[in-house]
C-alpha cells in the first residue's frame, strides 16, 4: 500500500513536466491535471489508468501527503512556495516553544500542515511554515521549520494561547512518535532571553523533585521552574485539557472506542497530565454533549 502511494507521488515531484505544472499551481493539484502528470512518457513508465486516480488521491490523503481544497483539487504542502509570505504577527509578546531534532525529517512540516489545514489563516502557508488561527481559542500561531538547524519554532498569541499550544503540540507529538526512534526534545525558551532554552521534560522533573530555582545552561541568572512551566502549561484540570484537544480532532472520533484511543494517546503524549486522576467516562459524556450542541448550531 505504501509503495502504491509513493510511486505516484514520486511521479508528481520528479518528472519535469509534472514539476512545472505543480510549481505553477503552487502545490495545488487539480484532478483534471492528473492525466497529464501521470501519463506514460516512455516505455519504462508505470501506466496509471484513470480509474485509479481517486484511489491514488485517497492514499495520498491517508498518508498525509495532501488535503482536500474542494471536490476537484487537493493541496500538496511539500510543493508549496519556499518563500515565506508577508503577514503581521507580534513575535515579541508571543508564547514560544521549540522542538529540536537530531534529524528533522522533511515530511514533518508538510504532515503538520495537512493535519491543521482547517485552521490555516488566510492561506498563509509555505513549504516550511504556516500561520494558524483558532477563533474558539481566540488565538493565532506561527510555526516555522528550520531544516538546517533541525528545529521547529512555535509562536502563539491570543486569549487562550496555552490551550492552542497544547493542541499544536499534540499533533507534532503524534507525527514525531509515528517515526521509529526519532529523537526530539521539546524546549521552553527563557521569557527574557529566547536564545536560551531548557528541556520541558527536565522542568517537569525538577518540579517533581520540588526544585524551583534553576539556572539554565547559557544563562547567568536563575529562573523559577514553576513560573517557566506556568508559561506553557494548561491552567485547567487535566480532563478539561483532554476535552479541549479532543474537540479539535472531532472528525477523527466516531465512537467510544476511537474516543478512548485518542484520549489515551493524549495522556501518553502530554507530560502535563501525569499524576492526574482522569475520569474518561465523564469526559466522553461531555464530549457527546459538546458534539450535540455543535450539531444543533449548524
Protein backbone atom coordinates (compact mmCIF):
# COMPACT_ATOMS: atom_id res chain seq x y z
CA UNK A 1 0.00 0.00 0.00
CA UNK A 2 2.82 2.40 0.89
CA UNK A 3 4.59 1.52 -2.36
CA UNK A 4 1.49 2.36 -4.38
CA UNK A 5 1.25 5.67 -2.57
CA UNK A 6 4.86 6.72 -3.06
CA UNK A 7 5.11 5.72 -6.71
CA UNK A 8 2.53 8.25 -7.95
CA UNK A 9 3.78 10.88 -5.50
CA UNK A 10 7.34 10.43 -6.81
CA UNK A 11 5.96 10.79 -10.32
CA UNK A 12 4.32 14.08 -9.33
CA UNK A 13 7.57 15.52 -7.99
CA UNK A 14 10.34 14.12 -10.13
CA UNK A 15 9.16 14.29 -13.73
CA UNK A 16 9.96 17.66 -15.29
CA UNK A 17 6.58 18.37 -16.94
CA UNK A 18 4.74 17.40 -13.75
CA UNK A 19 7.02 19.51 -11.59
CA UNK A 20 6.44 22.53 -13.81
CA UNK A 21 2.66 22.06 -13.64
CA UNK A 22 2.64 21.86 -9.85
CA UNK A 23 5.16 24.66 -9.38
CA UNK A 24 2.97 26.98 -11.41
CA UNK A 25 -0.05 25.90 -9.34
CA UNK A 26 1.86 26.42 -6.03
CA UNK A 27 1.18 22.88 -4.86
CA UNK A 28 -2.48 22.90 -5.89
CA UNK A 29 -3.20 19.62 -7.62
CA UNK A 30 -6.39 19.58 -9.68
CA UNK A 31 -7.77 16.17 -10.53
CA UNK A 32 -8.07 17.27 -14.15
CA UNK A 33 -4.27 17.61 -14.27
CA UNK A 34 -3.60 14.03 -13.23
CA UNK A 35 -3.93 12.71 -16.76
CA UNK A 36 -1.04 14.92 -17.90
CA UNK A 37 1.01 14.41 -14.74
CA UNK A 38 0.75 10.62 -14.65
CA UNK A 39 0.76 9.83 -18.37
CA UNK A 40 3.43 7.48 -19.72
CA UNK A 41 6.37 9.31 -21.27
CA UNK A 42 8.48 6.27 -22.14
CA UNK A 43 8.07 2.51 -22.21
CA UNK A 44 9.53 2.06 -18.72
CA UNK A 45 6.98 4.36 -17.04
CA UNK A 46 4.22 2.86 -14.92
CA UNK A 47 0.77 3.14 -16.50
CA UNK A 48 -1.87 4.71 -14.24
CA UNK A 49 -5.39 4.19 -15.61
CA UNK A 50 -7.87 6.99 -14.93
CA UNK A 51 -9.95 4.57 -12.85
CA UNK A 52 -7.15 4.62 -10.22
CA UNK A 53 -6.93 8.42 -9.85
CA UNK A 54 -9.37 8.70 -6.95
CA UNK A 55 -7.71 5.75 -5.26
CA UNK A 56 -4.28 7.40 -5.58
CA UNK A 57 -5.60 10.67 -4.14
CA UNK A 58 -7.24 8.73 -1.31
CA UNK A 59 -3.93 7.10 -0.44
CA UNK A 60 -2.12 10.44 -0.55
CA UNK A 61 -4.66 11.79 1.96
CA UNK A 62 -4.29 8.70 4.14
CA UNK A 63 -0.52 9.16 4.36
CA UNK A 64 -0.96 12.92 4.97
CA UNK A 65 0.68 13.96 1.71
CA UNK A 66 -2.16 16.32 0.81
CA UNK A 67 -5.52 17.68 1.93
CA UNK A 68 -8.70 18.48 0.05
CA UNK A 69 -9.37 22.03 -1.11
CA UNK A 70 -12.63 21.16 -2.84
CA UNK A 71 -14.12 18.19 -4.67
CA UNK A 72 -11.78 18.69 -7.62
CA UNK A 73 -8.50 19.75 -6.04
CA UNK A 74 -6.03 18.90 -3.26
CA UNK A 75 -3.10 20.86 -1.82
CA UNK A 76 0.33 19.19 -1.57
CA UNK A 77 2.25 21.11 1.16
CA UNK A 78 5.61 19.64 0.11
CA UNK A 79 5.21 21.52 -3.21
CA UNK A 80 4.24 24.91 -1.80
CA UNK A 81 6.30 28.04 -2.42
CA UNK A 82 9.58 28.10 -0.49
CA UNK A 83 9.26 31.85 0.08
CA UNK A 84 7.55 32.88 3.33
CA UNK A 85 4.65 35.30 2.63
CA UNK A 86 4.35 38.67 4.35
CA UNK A 87 2.00 38.90 7.33
CA UNK A 88 1.66 40.78 10.62
CA UNK A 89 2.42 38.95 13.87
CA UNK A 90 3.75 40.20 17.21
CA UNK A 91 6.60 37.78 17.94
CA UNK A 92 7.85 39.78 20.95
CA UNK A 93 4.69 39.19 23.01
CA UNK A 94 4.14 35.60 21.89
CA UNK A 95 4.36 32.38 23.85
CA UNK A 96 7.35 30.47 22.44
CA UNK A 97 8.18 26.81 22.18
CA UNK A 98 10.91 24.91 20.29
CA UNK A 99 11.15 21.30 19.12
CA UNK A 100 14.74 20.24 18.47
CA UNK A 101 15.72 17.16 16.45
CA UNK A 102 18.85 15.11 15.86
CA UNK A 103 17.44 14.68 12.37
CA UNK A 104 14.38 16.60 11.15
CA UNK A 105 12.50 14.51 8.56
CA UNK A 106 11.39 16.60 5.61
CA UNK A 107 7.85 15.26 5.92
CA UNK A 108 7.19 16.55 9.46
CA UNK A 109 6.14 20.09 8.50
CA UNK A 110 4.02 19.11 5.45
CA UNK A 111 2.20 16.48 7.53
CA UNK A 112 1.55 19.04 10.26
CA UNK A 113 0.10 21.45 7.67
CA UNK A 114 -2.19 18.67 6.44
CA UNK A 115 -3.36 17.89 9.98
CA UNK A 116 -4.04 21.56 10.79
CA UNK A 117 -5.35 22.64 7.38
CA UNK A 118 -8.76 23.71 8.77
CA UNK A 119 -7.01 26.28 10.98
CA UNK A 120 -4.81 27.88 8.29
CA UNK A 121 -5.29 31.64 8.35
CA UNK A 122 -5.92 33.39 5.03
CA UNK A 123 -3.99 30.75 3.04
CA UNK A 124 -0.76 31.76 4.83
CA UNK A 125 1.21 28.59 4.22
CA UNK A 126 4.59 27.87 2.65
CA UNK A 127 6.83 24.85 2.37
CA UNK A 128 8.40 25.18 5.81
CA UNK A 129 5.79 27.13 7.72
CA UNK A 130 2.19 28.07 8.35
CA UNK A 131 0.05 30.65 10.16
CA UNK A 132 -2.84 29.16 12.15
CA UNK A 133 -5.90 30.71 13.75
CA UNK A 134 -8.41 29.22 16.18
CA UNK A 135 -11.36 31.50 16.80
CA UNK A 136 -12.65 29.35 19.67
CA UNK A 137 -9.36 29.93 21.48
CA UNK A 138 -9.09 33.49 20.20
CA UNK A 139 -5.50 32.69 19.28
CA UNK A 140 -3.10 32.84 16.34
CA UNK A 141 0.10 30.84 15.87
CA UNK A 142 3.09 30.91 13.58
CA UNK A 143 5.00 27.65 13.10
CA UNK A 144 8.30 27.56 11.22
CA UNK A 145 10.69 24.72 10.46
CA UNK A 146 14.42 25.43 10.15
CA UNK A 147 15.69 22.36 8.31
CA UNK A 148 19.35 23.34 8.61
CA UNK A 149 19.15 23.95 12.36
CA UNK A 150 16.86 20.90 12.70
CA UNK A 151 14.37 22.85 14.79
CA UNK A 152 10.68 23.77 14.68
CA UNK A 153 9.75 27.11 16.22
CA UNK A 154 6.26 27.73 17.59
CA UNK A 155 4.89 31.20 18.43
CA UNK A 156 1.38 31.69 19.84
CA UNK A 157 -0.59 34.84 20.67
CA UNK A 158 -4.14 35.29 21.92
CA UNK A 159 -6.61 34.81 24.74
CA UNK A 160 -6.14 31.05 25.22
CA UNK A 161 -2.69 30.67 23.77
CA UNK A 162 -1.63 27.89 26.15
CA UNK A 163 -4.69 25.88 25.10
CA UNK A 164 -3.85 26.39 21.42
CA UNK A 165 -0.21 25.44 22.07
CA UNK A 166 -1.35 22.17 23.68
CA UNK A 167 -3.34 21.33 20.53
CA UNK A 168 -0.38 22.15 18.28
CA UNK A 169 1.96 20.03 20.40
CA UNK A 170 -0.50 17.13 20.35
CA UNK A 171 -0.24 16.93 16.56
CA UNK A 172 3.54 17.34 16.49
CA UNK A 173 3.90 14.58 19.09
CA UNK A 174 1.61 12.36 17.05
CA UNK A 175 3.77 12.92 13.95
CA UNK A 176 7.09 12.56 15.80
CA UNK A 177 6.01 9.35 17.52
CA UNK A 178 4.94 7.84 14.19
CA UNK A 179 8.64 7.57 13.28
CA UNK A 180 10.59 4.69 14.76
CA UNK A 181 13.10 6.01 17.30
CA UNK A 182 13.07 9.64 16.15
CA UNK A 183 14.94 11.64 18.84
CA UNK A 184 13.43 15.04 19.60
CA UNK A 185 13.48 17.42 22.56
CA UNK A 186 10.76 19.92 23.43
CA UNK A 187 12.24 23.11 24.85
CA UNK A 188 10.94 26.20 26.63
CA UNK A 189 12.75 29.47 25.76
CA UNK A 190 13.51 31.88 28.58
CA UNK A 191 10.98 34.76 28.51
CA UNK A 192 13.68 37.47 28.58
CA UNK A 193 16.26 35.56 26.52
CA UNK A 194 14.67 33.28 23.88
CA UNK A 195 18.06 32.06 22.67
CA UNK A 196 18.44 30.18 25.98
CA UNK A 197 16.17 27.15 26.23
CA UNK A 198 15.58 24.31 28.68
CA UNK A 199 14.02 20.90 28.13
CA UNK A 200 10.32 20.82 29.00
CA UNK A 201 10.69 17.32 30.45
CA UNK A 202 13.62 18.46 32.58
CA UNK A 203 11.47 21.26 34.00
CA UNK A 204 8.81 18.67 34.89
CA UNK A 205 11.47 16.52 36.59
CA UNK A 206 12.71 19.49 38.62
CA UNK A 207 9.15 20.34 39.63
CA UNK A 208 8.51 16.76 40.77
CA UNK A 209 11.67 16.94 42.91
CA UNK A 210 10.45 20.22 44.46
CA UNK A 211 13.31 22.20 42.88
CA UNK A 212 12.18 25.69 41.97
CA UNK A 213 15.28 27.82 41.33
CA UNK A 214 17.16 26.77 38.21
CA UNK A 215 19.95 28.33 36.13
CA UNK A 216 19.78 27.07 32.51
CA UNK A 217 22.93 26.37 30.53
CA UNK A 218 23.91 29.57 28.72
CA UNK A 219 22.33 31.91 31.27
CA UNK A 220 23.88 33.81 34.19
CA UNK A 221 20.63 34.10 36.16
CA UNK A 222 18.21 31.77 37.93
CA UNK A 223 14.61 31.24 36.90
CA UNK A 224 11.63 29.86 38.79
CA UNK A 225 10.77 26.37 37.50
CA UNK A 226 7.11 26.79 38.43
CA UNK A 227 6.94 30.09 36.55
CA UNK A 228 8.61 28.63 33.47
CA UNK A 229 6.15 25.71 33.47
CA UNK A 230 3.30 28.14 34.03
CA UNK A 231 4.20 29.85 30.77
CA UNK A 232 3.32 26.81 28.67
CA UNK A 233 1.12 24.52 30.81
CA UNK A 234 -2.66 24.49 30.89
CA UNK A 235 -4.35 26.39 33.70
CA UNK A 236 -7.19 23.87 33.55
CA UNK A 237 -7.58 20.43 35.05
CA UNK A 238 -6.19 17.53 33.02
CA UNK A 239 -9.62 16.21 31.96
CA UNK A 240 -10.61 19.66 30.69
CA UNK A 241 -7.36 19.86 28.75
CA UNK A 242 -8.11 16.50 27.12
CA UNK A 243 -11.60 17.70 26.25
CA UNK A 244 -10.21 20.82 24.57
CA UNK A 245 -7.84 18.78 22.38
CA UNK A 246 -10.50 16.20 21.51
CA UNK A 247 -12.78 19.00 20.34
CA UNK A 248 -10.11 20.00 17.83
CA UNK A 249 -9.97 16.48 16.34
CA UNK A 250 -13.67 15.67 16.47
CA UNK A 251 -13.74 14.46 12.85
CA UNK A 252 -11.48 11.52 13.84
CA UNK A 253 -13.76 10.38 16.67
CA UNK A 254 -16.75 8.33 15.54
CA UNK A 255 -17.48 6.13 18.57
CA UNK A 256 -16.40 5.49 22.15
CA UNK A 257 -13.62 3.14 21.06
CA UNK A 258 -11.98 5.79 18.84
CA UNK A 259 -12.53 8.32 21.64
CA UNK A 260 -10.70 6.12 24.15
CA UNK A 261 -7.81 5.58 21.72
CA UNK A 262 -7.48 9.33 21.15
CA UNK A 263 -7.80 10.19 24.86
CA UNK A 264 -5.21 7.62 25.91
CA UNK A 265 -2.86 8.87 23.19
CA UNK A 266 -3.21 12.41 24.57
CA UNK A 267 -2.45 11.17 28.10
CA UNK A 268 0.60 9.28 26.83
CA UNK A 269 1.95 12.20 24.78
CA UNK A 270 1.10 15.09 27.14
CA UNK A 271 3.57 15.19 30.09
CA UNK A 272 1.44 17.81 31.83
CA UNK A 273 -1.33 15.32 32.67
CA UNK A 274 0.95 12.88 34.51
CA UNK A 275 -0.22 12.19 38.02
CA UNK A 276 -3.81 13.36 37.49
CA UNK A 277 -6.80 11.11 38.11
CA UNK A 278 -8.87 11.40 34.92
CA UNK A 279 -12.43 10.11 34.55
CA UNK A 280 -12.56 9.30 30.82
CA UNK A 281 -16.18 8.15 31.01
CA UNK A 282 -17.14 11.60 32.26
CA UNK A 283 -15.06 13.27 29.54
CA UNK A 284 -16.81 11.04 26.96
CA UNK A 285 -20.21 12.25 28.15
CA UNK A 286 -19.10 15.87 27.98
CA UNK A 287 -17.69 15.27 24.50
CA UNK A 288 -21.03 13.84 23.30
CA UNK A 289 -22.85 16.85 24.77
CA UNK A 290 -20.43 19.18 23.02
CA UNK A 291 -20.93 17.44 19.67
CA UNK A 292 -24.71 17.58 20.06
CA UNK A 293 -24.60 21.32 20.73
CA UNK A 294 -22.39 21.77 17.67
CA UNK A 295 -24.83 19.75 15.55
CA UNK A 296 -27.79 21.92 16.64
CA UNK A 297 -25.89 25.11 15.89
CA UNK A 298 -25.28 24.10 12.28
